[in-house]
Amino acid sequence: MPPMTLERIAVQCCKSCAHVLNSDSSETQLRCGLGYYIQPPLTRKQGRMDSYPVVEALSVVVAGARALKGC
């Protein structure tokens, strides 16, 4: 396993994640949209913003935990 560098950590945080949703209704203004993006594009429907979990900008989520946390 390669060593963790600042560049690698920065790529893995929520603020730079491809699944993050901007939200005015959360205190961090970010929500995890993984549940939205895993739907097939043609059938994708966005739910209410409060159905997506609030995430911190610098939160680091490992791939295995994403399935468990929905993020």
Foldseek 3Di string as FASTA:
>chain_A
DDDDDPVNLLCQFPLNDPQWDQAPPDPQRIFGRLVQVVDPPVPGDDDDPVVTHDDHRSDGDDPVCCVVVVD
